[in-house]
Amino acid sequence: MFSNLTMKQKLIGGGILAVMLLVIAFYGYTKLNEGDEEITADSQDFIATNEEKSKVENQVVEEVKEEKIIVHITGQIKKSGILKLPVGSRIADAISAAGGQTEKADLDQVNLAYQLQDGQKIYIPSKEEKNKEMVYITSGSGNNVIVEENNRQGVSKKVNINQAGQAELEALPGVGPSLATQILEYRNVNGNFKKVEDLQNVKGIGEAKFNNIKEYVTVK
């Protein structure tokens, strides 16, 4: 009787142990799957974040690539033609991109530090052309202006103030964007200037400033 009871106890104990092991195994399996799901979700978020970051970086790179100007360079350089340059490029950069200057080039006549704008044409003069009235920057409007130092001193070809655009007027000594706009507005309202002295009627042009400008302008 005792031995039979002991066997039953063994069977019952074994059954309980088996059930407990199944419960533990199921619990462990459930937790393991939950952990896998969390890791997978985190990984997907991480991948998505990296993809978005990559797209933004690529977009920034494309925008930077688009920041270009197109200019036309001729004269005493090795490769005349159209150049695509980064925004903020100088005449020196354009000459370099065109293969450099020729032996005949006279760079003393050129402000190599002049900052270029989209649509301009650059002419590099030769030494034989020295002391002549050279124009080496052509603005987008097609009118020719020579550009010297940053204070724009020394315009060698007189500017017709009845036809000049914004860029040509800004090339005059002491005339910045604001004053050039004032001249254009005065001309639009009052018609063409009859004589260069009429510039003094423009707001912002007093006697001193007019004296700095008068030898560089004309009316036609």
Protein backbone atom coordinates (compact mmCIF):
# COMPACT_ATOMS: atom_id res chain seq x y z
CA MET A 1 0.00 0.00 0.00
CA PHE A 2 2.83 2.37 0.94
CA SER A 3 4.75 1.59 -2.17
CA ASN A 4 1.69 2.20 -4.38
CA LEU A 5 1.10 5.53 -2.67
CA THR A 6 4.69 6.50 -3.18
CA MET A 7 4.40 5.77 -6.89
CA LYS A 8 1.29 7.93 -7.18
CA GLN A 9 3.06 10.67 -5.33
CA LYS A 10 5.92 10.35 -7.72
CA LEU A 11 3.58 10.55 -10.68
CA ILE A 12 1.72 13.48 -9.23
CA GLY A 13 4.96 15.24 -8.37
CA GLY A 14 6.29 14.58 -11.84
CA GLY A 15 3.10 15.92 -13.39
CA ILE A 16 3.25 19.07 -11.30
CA LEU A 17 6.90 19.57 -12.21
CA ALA A 18 6.12 19.09 -15.90
CA VAL A 19 3.30 21.63 -15.71
CA MET A 20 5.57 24.11 -13.94
CA LEU A 21 8.26 23.63 -16.58
CA LEU A 22 5.69 24.22 -19.31
CA VAL A 23 4.46 27.39 -17.60
CA ILE A 24 8.05 28.66 -17.15
CA ALA A 25 8.88 27.80 -20.77
CA PHE A 26 5.75 29.56 -22.06
CA TYR A 27 6.44 32.63 -19.92
CA GLY A 28 10.04 32.76 -21.08
CA TYR A 29 9.01 32.33 -24.72
CA THR A 30 6.44 35.14 -24.40
CA LYS A 31 8.95 37.53 -22.84
CA LEU A 32 11.55 36.65 -25.42
CA ASN A 33 9.12 37.43 -28.25
CA GLU A 34 8.13 40.72 -26.62
CA GLY A 35 11.77 41.68 -26.38
CA ASP A 36 12.30 40.78 -30.02
CA GLU A 37 9.34 42.93 -31.03
CA GLU A 38 10.67 45.87 -29.05
CA ILE A 39 14.13 45.50 -30.54
CA THR A 40 12.66 45.15 -34.02
CA ALA A 41 10.51 48.27 -33.56
CA ASP A 42 13.48 50.23 -32.25
CA SER A 43 15.59 49.05 -35.15
CA GLN A 44 12.93 50.11 -37.65
CA ASP A 45 12.73 53.55 -36.03
CA PHE A 46 16.51 53.84 -36.14
CA ILE A 47 16.60 52.84 -39.83
CA ALA A 48 13.78 55.26 -40.64
CA THR A 49 15.58 58.07 -38.79
CA ASN A 50 18.79 57.39 -40.70
CA GLU A 51 16.93 57.32 -44.02
CA GLU A 52 15.29 60.68 -43.27
CA LYS A 53 18.64 62.14 -42.20
CA SER A 54 20.23 60.86 -45.39
CA LYS A 55 17.46 62.43 -47.49
CA VAL A 56 17.92 65.79 -45.74
CA GLU A 57 21.69 65.66 -46.21
CA ASN A 58 21.27 64.80 -49.90
CA GLN A 59 18.81 67.67 -50.31
CA VAL A 60 21.27 70.09 -48.70
CA VAL A 61 24.04 68.84 -51.00
CA GLU A 62 21.78 69.33 -54.04
CA GLU A 63 20.89 72.86 -52.93
CA VAL A 64 24.57 73.70 -52.50
CA LYS A 65 25.27 72.30 -55.95
CA GLU A 66 22.60 74.56 -57.41
CA GLU A 67 24.20 77.72 -56.02
CA LYS A 68 26.07 78.55 -59.21
CA ILE A 69 26.45 81.55 -61.50
CA ILE A 70 27.06 81.48 -65.24
CA VAL A 71 29.45 83.98 -66.79
CA HIS A 72 31.07 84.47 -70.20
CA ILE A 73 34.81 85.14 -70.38
CA THR A 74 36.76 86.26 -73.45
CA GLY A 75 39.96 88.10 -74.31
CA GLN A 76 43.44 87.09 -73.28
CA ILE A 77 42.64 83.80 -71.57
CA LYS A 78 43.39 80.28 -72.78
CA LYS A 79 39.82 79.03 -73.06
CA SER A 80 37.12 81.53 -73.96
CA GLY A 81 33.54 80.57 -73.32
CA ILE A 82 30.81 80.00 -70.77
CA LEU A 83 31.77 79.17 -67.19
CA LYS A 84 29.68 77.83 -64.33
CA LEU A 85 31.16 79.06 -61.06
CA PRO A 86 30.16 78.98 -57.38
CA VAL A 87 28.29 82.00 -56.04
CA GLY A 88 30.78 84.53 -54.70
CA SER A 89 33.47 83.78 -57.29
CA ARG A 90 35.92 86.53 -58.28
CA ILE A 91 37.42 87.45 -61.65
CA ALA A 92 40.56 85.58 -60.57
CA ASP A 93 38.47 82.42 -60.18
CA ALA A 94 37.00 82.87 -63.65
CA ILE A 95 40.46 83.27 -65.20
CA SER A 96 41.65 80.14 -63.41
CA ALA A 97 38.60 78.17 -64.56
CA ALA A 98 39.30 79.33 -68.14
CA GLY A 99 42.76 77.80 -68.08
CA GLY A 100 44.61 80.93 -67.00
CA GLN A 101 45.67 84.07 -68.84
CA THR A 102 47.81 84.25 -71.98
CA GLU A 103 51.24 85.85 -72.11
CA LYS A 104 49.69 88.93 -73.73
CA ALA A 105 47.19 89.50 -70.92
CA ASP A 106 47.48 92.69 -68.88
CA LEU A 107 46.00 91.84 -65.49
CA ASP A 108 47.07 95.22 -64.11
CA GLN A 109 43.98 96.65 -65.81
CA VAL A 110 41.71 94.12 -64.10
CA ASN A 111 40.44 94.06 -60.53
CA LEU A 112 40.98 90.36 -59.90
CA ALA A 113 39.12 90.58 -56.58
CA TYR A 114 35.90 91.82 -58.18
CA GLN A 115 32.97 89.57 -57.18
CA LEU A 116 31.04 88.29 -60.18
CA GLN A 117 27.30 88.08 -60.67
CA ASP A 118 25.23 85.76 -62.82
CA GLY A 119 24.99 86.74 -66.49
CA GLN A 120 28.09 88.94 -66.70
CA LYS A 121 30.66 88.91 -69.47
CA ILE A 122 34.34 89.36 -68.64
CA TYR A 123 36.91 90.67 -71.09
CA ILE A 124 40.60 90.31 -70.25
CA PRO A 125 42.60 92.99 -72.11
CA SER A 126 46.03 92.64 -73.69
CA LYS A 127 49.12 94.73 -73.00
CA GLU A 128 48.74 96.40 -76.40
CA GLU A 129 45.39 97.80 -75.26
CA LYS A 130 46.89 99.56 -72.26
CA ASN A 131 45.96 103.21 -71.74
CA LYS A 132 42.90 102.78 -73.95
CA GLU A 133 39.32 103.00 -72.75
CA MET A 134 38.81 99.36 -71.85
CA VAL A 135 35.59 97.76 -70.71
CA TYR A 136 35.99 94.35 -69.17
CA ILE A 137 32.68 93.72 -67.41
CA THR A 138 29.45 93.60 -69.38
CA SER A 139 26.33 93.66 -67.24
CA GLY A 140 23.16 91.67 -67.79
CA SER A 141 21.54 94.64 -69.51
CA GLY A 142 24.22 94.61 -72.21
CA ASN A 143 25.69 97.99 -71.26
CA ASN A 144 29.44 98.04 -70.68
CA VAL A 145 31.01 99.24 -67.45
CA ILE A 146 34.53 99.04 -66.13
CA VAL A 147 34.83 98.04 -62.50
CA GLU A 148 37.79 99.13 -60.40
CA GLU A 149 38.26 98.86 -56.62
CA ASN A 150 35.46 98.19 -54.13
CA ASN A 151 34.81 101.93 -53.84
CA ARG A 152 34.33 101.85 -57.64
CA GLN A 153 36.76 104.63 -58.43
CA GLY A 154 37.85 105.30 -61.97
CA VAL A 155 35.12 104.56 -64.48
CA SER A 156 37.00 104.88 -67.77
CA LYS A 157 34.02 104.99 -70.11
CA LYS A 158 31.39 107.63 -69.48
CA VAL A 159 28.01 106.34 -68.44
CA ASN A 160 24.97 107.68 -70.24
CA ILE A 161 22.70 108.47 -67.30
CA ASN A 162 19.65 108.49 -69.60
CA GLN A 163 20.17 104.86 -70.58
CA ALA A 164 22.19 103.35 -67.72
CA GLY A 165 20.69 100.58 -65.63
CA GLN A 166 21.17 99.83 -61.95
CA ALA A 167 24.55 98.10 -62.39
CA GLU A 168 26.00 100.87 -64.56
CA LEU A 169 24.97 103.57 -62.09
CA GLU A 170 26.40 101.59 -59.15
CA ALA A 171 29.73 101.52 -61.01
CA LEU A 172 30.02 105.30 -60.58
CA PRO A 173 32.24 106.48 -57.70
CA GLY A 174 30.27 106.99 -54.52
CA VAL A 175 27.04 105.59 -55.95
CA GLY A 176 25.65 102.56 -54.17
CA PRO A 177 22.46 100.53 -54.77
CA SER A 178 20.22 102.99 -52.90
CA LEU A 179 21.43 106.09 -54.76
CA ALA A 180 21.37 104.28 -58.10
CA THR A 181 17.71 103.46 -57.44
CA GLN A 182 17.02 107.12 -56.63
CA ILE A 183 18.51 108.16 -59.99
CA LEU A 184 16.37 105.63 -61.86
CA GLU A 185 13.22 106.72 -60.04
CA TYR A 186 13.95 110.38 -60.76
CA ARG A 187 14.43 109.58 -64.44
CA ASN A 188 11.21 107.57 -64.59
CA VAL A 189 9.21 110.41 -63.03
CA ASN A 190 10.85 113.42 -64.71
CA GLY A 191 12.09 111.97 -67.99
CA ASN A 192 15.63 112.05 -69.37
CA PHE A 193 18.29 114.30 -67.91
CA LYS A 194 18.93 117.30 -70.14
CA LYS A 195 22.43 117.89 -68.74
CA VAL A 196 24.67 116.10 -66.26
CA GLU A 197 24.16 118.92 -63.74
CA ASP A 198 20.54 117.76 -63.39
CA LEU A 199 21.86 114.91 -61.28
CA GLN A 200 21.97 117.38 -58.41
CA ASN A 201 18.18 117.36 -58.44
CA VAL A 202 18.25 113.73 -57.32
CA LYS A 203 17.81 113.23 -53.59
CA GLY A 204 21.14 112.26 -52.06
CA ILE A 205 23.37 113.94 -54.63
CA GLY A 206 24.84 117.11 -53.26
CA GLU A 207 27.56 119.29 -54.70
CA ALA A 208 30.43 117.21 -53.34
CA LYS A 209 29.05 113.92 -54.62
CA PHE A 210 28.19 115.44 -57.99
CA ASN A 211 31.77 116.69 -58.37
CA ASN A 212 32.98 113.11 -57.87
CA ILE A 213 30.57 111.79 -60.49
CA LYS A 214 30.40 114.44 -63.22
CA GLU A 215 33.52 113.48 -65.15
CA TYR A 216 32.27 109.92 -65.50
CA VAL A 217 28.79 110.63 -66.84
CA THR A 218 27.22 112.01 -69.97
CA VAL A 219 23.76 112.58 -71.46
CA LYS A 220 22.75 111.57 -74.98
